């Protein structure tokens, strides 16, 4: 069975509207994939700073980071659930990706350019935004960052399931938007 890596970066855990959307989509994907979940909230990550950068430049990588990077490298598909956070993604998720962006594991280079080493063909990014900012608008920086990172890692397919303005909609409208996003994600899951 093929492997799907589910990266859960839903800061508010079970109160997360993003997680409510992601849960039935990931359940559907379990019909075709062996799913492994990484919960970012459980990792207690420190930002990558000088000492960590120096160790990595010298070829020393933590066993945890190497394990996570290999999970990304070897996944057939990746699903990320993360809220819109300060115009992008939560800092802990960014730190996780920095730790996993390992030369010789998730990407490499030749004399001319970098190239990806990951085998996944597609990523699905599931997100909710409090403000009315849509995917593709200049203020929405999560999708462009993730697309660029996964391009570096050799993963070309990228789907975003997003809903916005949740901090300003009435409760019944939020429920409609969540249902609509689940339906969209389940449709993507059919061929994902």
C-alpha atoms as a PDB file:
ATOM      1  CA  UNK A   1       0.000   0.000   0.000  1.00  0.00           C
ATOM      2  CA  UNK A   2       1.271   3.488  -0.823  1.00  0.00           C
ATOM      3  CA  UNK A   3       2.232   5.883   1.979  1.00  0.00           C
ATOM      4  CA  UNK A   4       0.598   9.198   2.795  1.00  0.00           C
ATOM      5  CA  UNK A   5       2.221  11.565   5.288  1.00  0.00           C
ATOM      6  CA  UNK A   6      -0.297  13.752   7.114  1.00  0.00           C
ATOM      7  CA  UNK A   7       1.288  16.811   8.739  1.00  0.00           C
ATOM      8  CA  UNK A   8      -1.127  18.235  11.307  1.00  0.00           C
ATOM      9  CA  UNK A   9      -0.199  21.788  12.288  1.00  0.00           C
ATOM     10  CA  UNK A  10      -3.587  22.739  13.708  1.00  0.00           C
ATOM     11  CA  UNK A  11      -2.632  24.978  16.619  1.00  0.00           C
ATOM     12  CA  UNK A  12      -6.017  24.800  18.364  1.00  0.00           C
ATOM     13  CA  UNK A  13      -6.160  20.991  18.198  1.00  0.00           C
ATOM     14  CA  UNK A  14      -9.768  19.763  18.317  1.00  0.00           C
ATOM     15  CA  UNK A  15     -11.172  23.322  18.229  1.00  0.00           C
ATOM     16  CA  UNK A  16      -9.484  23.862  14.876  1.00  0.00           C
ATOM     17  CA  UNK A  17     -11.765  24.514  11.924  1.00  0.00           C
ATOM     18  CA  UNK A  18      -8.921  23.456   9.634  1.00  0.00           C
ATOM     19  CA  UNK A  19      -8.717  20.111  11.428  1.00  0.00           C
ATOM     20  CA  UNK A  20     -12.471  19.629  11.030  1.00  0.00           C
ATOM     21  CA  UNK A  21     -12.017  19.930   7.281  1.00  0.00           C
ATOM     22  CA  UNK A  22      -8.920  17.729   7.135  1.00  0.00           C
ATOM     23  CA  UNK A  23     -10.233  14.832   9.254  1.00  0.00           C
ATOM     24  CA  UNK A  24     -12.807  13.369   6.802  1.00  0.00           C
ATOM     25  CA  UNK A  25     -10.460  13.940   3.853  1.00  0.00           C
ATOM     26  CA  UNK A  26      -7.637  12.036   5.531  1.00  0.00           C
ATOM     27  CA  UNK A  27     -10.109   9.299   6.533  1.00  0.00           C
ATOM     28  CA  UNK A  28     -11.125   8.941   2.879  1.00  0.00           C
ATOM     29  CA  UNK A  29      -7.494   8.731   1.818  1.00  0.00           C
ATOM     30  CA  UNK A  30      -6.934   5.876   4.300  1.00  0.00           C
ATOM     31  CA  UNK A  31      -8.892   3.710   1.863  1.00  0.00           C
ATOM     32  CA  UNK A  32      -5.953   3.885  -0.563  1.00  0.00           C
ATOM     33  CA  UNK A  33      -2.970   4.906   1.554  1.00  0.00           C
ATOM     34  CA  UNK A  34      -1.189   3.833   4.681  1.00  0.00           C
ATOM     35  CA  UNK A  35      -1.361   7.120   6.636  1.00  0.00           C
ATOM     36  CA  UNK A  36       1.294   8.287   9.061  1.00  0.00           C
ATOM     37  CA  UNK A  37       0.591  11.442  11.046  1.00  0.00           C
ATOM     38  CA  UNK A  38       3.050  13.979  12.411  1.00  0.00           C
ATOM     39  CA  UNK A  39       1.434  16.399  14.887  1.00  0.00           C
ATOM     40  CA  UNK A  40       3.521  19.562  14.941  1.00  0.00           C
ATOM     41  CA  UNK A  41       2.125  20.672  18.338  1.00  0.00           C
ATOM     42  CA  UNK A  42       3.650  17.574  19.931  1.00  0.00           C
ATOM     43  CA  UNK A  43       7.209  18.179  18.682  1.00  0.00           C
ATOM     44  CA  UNK A  44       8.195  21.218  20.828  1.00  0.00           C
ATOM     45  CA  UNK A  45      10.482  22.574  18.108  1.00  0.00           C
ATOM     46  CA  UNK A  46      13.054  25.299  18.622  1.00  0.00           C
ATOM     47  CA  UNK A  47      13.741  27.729  15.771  1.00  0.00           C
ATOM     48  CA  UNK A  48      16.760  26.919  13.628  1.00  0.00           C
ATOM     49  CA  UNK A  49      19.469  29.256  14.895  1.00  0.00           C
ATOM     50  CA  UNK A  50      23.216  29.700  14.467  1.00  0.00           C
ATOM     51  CA  UNK A  51      24.418  26.612  16.360  1.00  0.00           C
ATOM     52  CA  UNK A  52      21.970  24.301  14.587  1.00  0.00           C
ATOM     53  CA  UNK A  53      22.876  25.822  11.235  1.00  0.00           C
ATOM     54  CA  UNK A  54      26.598  25.403  11.954  1.00  0.00           C
ATOM     55  CA  UNK A  55      26.137  21.733  12.956  1.00  0.00           C
ATOM     56  CA  UNK A  56      24.162  21.044   9.792  1.00  0.00           C
ATOM     57  CA  UNK A  57      26.758  22.776   7.611  1.00  0.00           C
ATOM     58  CA  UNK A  58      29.337  20.466   9.204  1.00  0.00           C
ATOM     59  CA  UNK A  59      27.263  17.400   8.334  1.00  0.00           C
ATOM     60  CA  UNK A  60      25.695  16.778  11.745  1.00  0.00           C
ATOM     61  CA  UNK A  61      21.930  16.446  11.671  1.00  0.00           C
ATOM     62  CA  UNK A  62      19.717  15.431  14.568  1.00  0.00           C
ATOM     63  CA  UNK A  63      18.266  11.921  14.350  1.00  0.00           C
ATOM     64  CA  UNK A  64      14.744  13.371  14.648  1.00  0.00           C
ATOM     65  CA  UNK A  65      15.209  15.783  11.741  1.00  0.00           C
ATOM     66  CA  UNK A  66      16.709  13.031   9.590  1.00  0.00           C
ATOM     67  CA  UNK A  67      13.780  10.732  10.448  1.00  0.00           C
ATOM     68  CA  UNK A  68      11.205  13.422   9.552  1.00  0.00           C
ATOM     69  CA  UNK A  69      13.029  14.325   6.333  1.00  0.00           C
ATOM     70  CA  UNK A  70      13.085  10.679   5.288  1.00  0.00           C
ATOM     71  CA  UNK A  71       9.345  10.377   5.980  1.00  0.00           C
ATOM     72  CA  UNK A  72       8.785  13.312   3.632  1.00  0.00           C
ATOM     73  CA  UNK A  73      11.204  11.907   1.065  1.00  0.00           C
ATOM     74  CA  UNK A  74       9.572   8.466   1.046  1.00  0.00           C
ATOM     75  CA  UNK A  75       5.905   9.486   1.145  1.00  0.00           C
ATOM     76  CA  UNK A  76       3.842   8.896  -1.980  1.00  0.00           C
ATOM     77  CA  UNK A  77       1.505  11.772  -1.077  1.00  0.00           C
ATOM     78  CA  UNK A  78       1.524  14.528   1.570  1.00  0.00           C
ATOM     79  CA  UNK A  79      -1.396  16.304   3.227  1.00  0.00           C
ATOM     80  CA  UNK A  80      -0.784  19.414   5.348  1.00  0.00           C
ATOM     81  CA  UNK A  81      -3.428  20.920   7.619  1.00  0.00           C
ATOM     82  CA  UNK A  82      -2.450  24.341   8.939  1.00  0.00           C
ATOM     83  CA  UNK A  83      -4.309  27.542   9.720  1.00  0.00           C
ATOM     84  CA  UNK A  84      -3.494  30.882   8.138  1.00  0.00           C
ATOM     85  CA  UNK A  85      -1.107  32.326  10.692  1.00  0.00           C
ATOM     86  CA  UNK A  86       0.321  35.853  10.439  1.00  0.00           C
ATOM     87  CA  UNK A  87      -0.211  35.832   6.662  1.00  0.00           C
ATOM     88  CA  UNK A  88       1.447  32.441   6.149  1.00  0.00           C
ATOM     89  CA  UNK A  89       1.809  29.230   8.187  1.00  0.00           C
ATOM     90  CA  UNK A  90       2.491  28.691  11.915  1.00  0.00           C
ATOM     91  CA  UNK A  91       6.140  29.251  12.899  1.00  0.00           C
ATOM     92  CA  UNK A  92       6.435  25.709  14.281  1.00  0.00           C
ATOM     93  CA  UNK A  93       5.480  24.283  10.874  1.00  0.00           C
ATOM     94  CA  UNK A  94       8.021  26.540   9.166  1.00  0.00           C
ATOM     95  CA  UNK A  95      10.663  25.342  11.642  1.00  0.00           C
ATOM     96  CA  UNK A  96       9.694  21.723  10.954  1.00  0.00           C
ATOM     97  CA  UNK A  97      10.143  22.263   7.223  1.00  0.00           C
ATOM     98  CA  UNK A  98      13.494  24.013   7.770  1.00  0.00           C
ATOM     99  CA  UNK A  99      14.672  21.014   9.779  1.00  0.00           C
ATOM    100  CA  UNK A 100      13.489  18.642   7.013  1.00  0.00           C
ATOM    101  CA  UNK A 101      15.040  20.568   4.157  1.00  0.00           C
ATOM    102  CA  UNK A 102      18.205  18.494   4.171  1.00  0.00           C
ATOM    103  CA  UNK A 103      20.819  18.433   1.456  1.00  0.00           C
ATOM    104  CA  UNK A 104      21.200  14.873   0.237  1.00  0.00           C
ATOM    105  CA  UNK A 105      17.834  13.810   1.702  1.00  0.00           C
ATOM    106  CA  UNK A 106      14.958  15.974   0.453  1.00  0.00           C
ATOM    107  CA  UNK A 107      17.027  17.780  -2.197  1.00  0.00           C
ATOM    108  CA  UNK A 108      20.461  17.744  -3.792  1.00  0.00           C
ATOM    109  CA  UNK A 109      22.398  19.697  -6.393  1.00  0.00           C
ATOM    110  CA  UNK A 110      24.739  19.317  -9.302  1.00  0.00           C
ATOM    111  CA  UNK A 111      27.128  21.850 -10.777  1.00  0.00           C
ATOM    112  CA  UNK A 112      24.248  23.957 -12.101  1.00  0.00           C
ATOM    113  CA  UNK A 113      21.172  23.798  -9.855  1.00  0.00           C
ATOM    114  CA  UNK A 114      19.290  22.129  -7.014  1.00  0.00           C
ATOM    115  CA  UNK A 115      16.871  19.259  -7.615  1.00  0.00           C
ATOM    116  CA  UNK A 116      14.418  17.354  -5.456  1.00  0.00           C
ATOM    117  CA  UNK A 117      14.788  13.842  -4.108  1.00  0.00           C
ATOM    118  CA  UNK A 118      11.250  13.271  -2.829  1.00  0.00           C
ATOM    119  CA  UNK A 119       9.029  10.713  -4.534  1.00  0.00           C
ATOM    120  CA  UNK A 120       5.595  12.231  -3.787  1.00  0.00           C
ATOM    121  CA  UNK A 121       3.750  13.520  -6.818  1.00  0.00           C
ATOM    122  CA  UNK A 122       1.157  15.604  -4.984  1.00  0.00           C
ATOM    123  CA  UNK A 123       0.636  17.693  -1.867  1.00  0.00           C
ATOM    124  CA  UNK A 124      -2.753  18.807  -0.542  1.00  0.00           C
ATOM    125  CA  UNK A 125      -2.688  21.899   1.676  1.00  0.00           C
ATOM    126  CA  UNK A 126      -5.812  22.378   3.807  1.00  0.00           C
ATOM    127  CA  UNK A 127      -6.243  25.730   5.524  1.00  0.00           C
ATOM    128  CA  UNK A 128      -8.734  28.191   6.960  1.00  0.00           C
ATOM    129  CA  UNK A 129      -8.236  31.928   7.207  1.00  0.00           C
ATOM    130  CA  UNK A 130      -9.852  34.315   9.662  1.00  0.00           C
ATOM    131  CA  UNK A 131      -9.680  37.246   7.254  1.00  0.00           C
ATOM    132  CA  UNK A 132     -11.129  37.474   3.761  1.00  0.00           C
ATOM    133  CA  UNK A 133      -7.908  36.705   1.937  1.00  0.00           C
ATOM    134  CA  UNK A 134      -8.135  34.213  -0.897  1.00  0.00           C
ATOM    135  CA  UNK A 135      -5.515  31.837  -2.309  1.00  0.00           C
ATOM    136  CA  UNK A 136      -3.421  33.638  -4.898  1.00  0.00           C
ATOM    137  CA  UNK A 137      -3.842  37.118  -3.421  1.00  0.00           C
ATOM    138  CA  UNK A 138      -0.569  38.928  -2.602  1.00  0.00           C
ATOM    139  CA  UNK A 139      -1.343  38.904   1.136  1.00  0.00           C
ATOM    140  CA  UNK A 140      -1.636  35.106   1.194  1.00  0.00           C
ATOM    141  CA  UNK A 141       1.926  33.855   1.551  1.00  0.00           C
ATOM    142  CA  UNK A 142       1.363  30.273   2.752  1.00  0.00           C
ATOM    143  CA  UNK A 143       0.587  28.720  -0.630  1.00  0.00           C
ATOM    144  CA  UNK A 144       3.477  30.387  -2.531  1.00  0.00           C
ATOM    145  CA  UNK A 145       5.971  29.384   0.180  1.00  0.00           C
ATOM    146  CA  UNK A 146       4.773  25.769   0.280  1.00  0.00           C
ATOM    147  CA  UNK A 147       4.694  25.459  -3.515  1.00  0.00           C
ATOM    148  CA  UNK A 148       8.265  26.779  -3.726  1.00  0.00           C
ATOM    149  CA  UNK A 149       9.516  24.474  -0.964  1.00  0.00           C
ATOM    150  CA  UNK A 150       7.925  21.391  -2.476  1.00  0.00           C
ATOM    151  CA  UNK A 151       9.267  22.367  -5.904  1.00  0.00           C
ATOM    152  CA  UNK A 152      12.757  22.383  -4.327  1.00  0.00           C
ATOM    153  CA  UNK A 153      12.044  18.910  -2.959  1.00  0.00           C
ATOM    154  CA  UNK A 154      10.902  17.686  -6.400  1.00  0.00           C
ATOM    155  CA  UNK A 155       7.150  17.580  -5.763  1.00  0.00           C
ATOM    156  CA  UNK A 156       5.273  19.329  -8.543  1.00  0.00           C
ATOM    157  CA  UNK A 157       1.584  18.660  -7.831  1.00  0.00           C
ATOM    158  CA  UNK A 158      -0.002  21.010  -5.297  1.00  0.00           C
ATOM    159  CA  UNK A 159      -3.662  21.481  -4.346  1.00  0.00           C
ATOM    160  CA  UNK A 160      -4.986  24.035  -1.867  1.00  0.00           C
ATOM    161  CA  UNK A 161      -8.329  23.557  -0.101  1.00  0.00           C
ATOM    162  CA  UNK A 162      -8.989  26.869   1.637  1.00  0.00           C
ATOM    163  CA  UNK A 163     -11.818  28.878   3.132  1.00  0.00           C
ATOM    164  CA  UNK A 164     -11.562  32.437   4.395  1.00  0.00           C
ATOM    165  CA  UNK A 165     -13.233  35.143   6.469  1.00  0.00           C
ATOM    166  CA  UNK A 166     -14.051  32.717   9.297  1.00  0.00           C
ATOM    167  CA  UNK A 167     -13.498  35.341  12.018  1.00  0.00           C
ATOM    168  CA  UNK A 168     -16.296  37.475  10.538  1.00  0.00           C
ATOM    169  CA  UNK A 169     -18.900  35.018   9.288  1.00  0.00           C
ATOM    170  CA  UNK A 170     -21.965  33.943  11.270  1.00  0.00           C
ATOM    171  CA  UNK A 171     -21.765  30.427  12.730  1.00  0.00           C
ATOM    172  CA  UNK A 172     -24.180  28.906  10.204  1.00  0.00           C
ATOM    173  CA  UNK A 173     -22.171  30.292   7.285  1.00  0.00           C
ATOM    174  CA  UNK A 174     -18.947  28.872   8.768  1.00  0.00           C
ATOM    175  CA  UNK A 175     -20.601  25.457   8.915  1.00  0.00           C
ATOM    176  CA  UNK A 176     -21.613  25.790   5.250  1.00  0.00           C
ATOM    177  CA  UNK A 177     -18.052  26.731   4.309  1.00  0.00           C
ATOM    178  CA  UNK A 178     -16.607  23.799   6.270  1.00  0.00           C
ATOM    179  CA  UNK A 179     -19.011  21.398   4.516  1.00  0.00           C
ATOM    180  CA  UNK A 180     -18.135  22.907   1.152  1.00  0.00           C
ATOM    181  CA  UNK A 181     -14.393  22.561   1.828  1.00  0.00           C
ATOM    182  CA  UNK A 182     -14.810  18.935   2.909  1.00  0.00           C
ATOM    183  CA  UNK A 183     -16.708  18.209  -0.301  1.00  0.00           C
ATOM    184  CA  UNK A 184     -13.958  19.876  -2.368  1.00  0.00           C
ATOM    185  CA  UNK A 185     -11.239  17.945  -0.551  1.00  0.00           C
ATOM    186  CA  UNK A 186     -13.072  14.637  -0.965  1.00  0.00           C
ATOM    187  CA  UNK A 187     -13.361  15.296  -4.704  1.00  0.00           C
ATOM    188  CA  UNK A 188      -9.603  15.942  -4.894  1.00  0.00           C
ATOM    189  CA  UNK A 189      -8.997  12.778  -2.830  1.00  0.00           C
ATOM    190  CA  UNK A 190     -10.651  10.675  -5.557  1.00  0.00           C
ATOM    191  CA  UNK A 191      -7.654  11.163  -7.864  1.00  0.00           C
ATOM    192  CA  UNK A 192      -5.009  12.293  -5.347  1.00  0.00           C
END
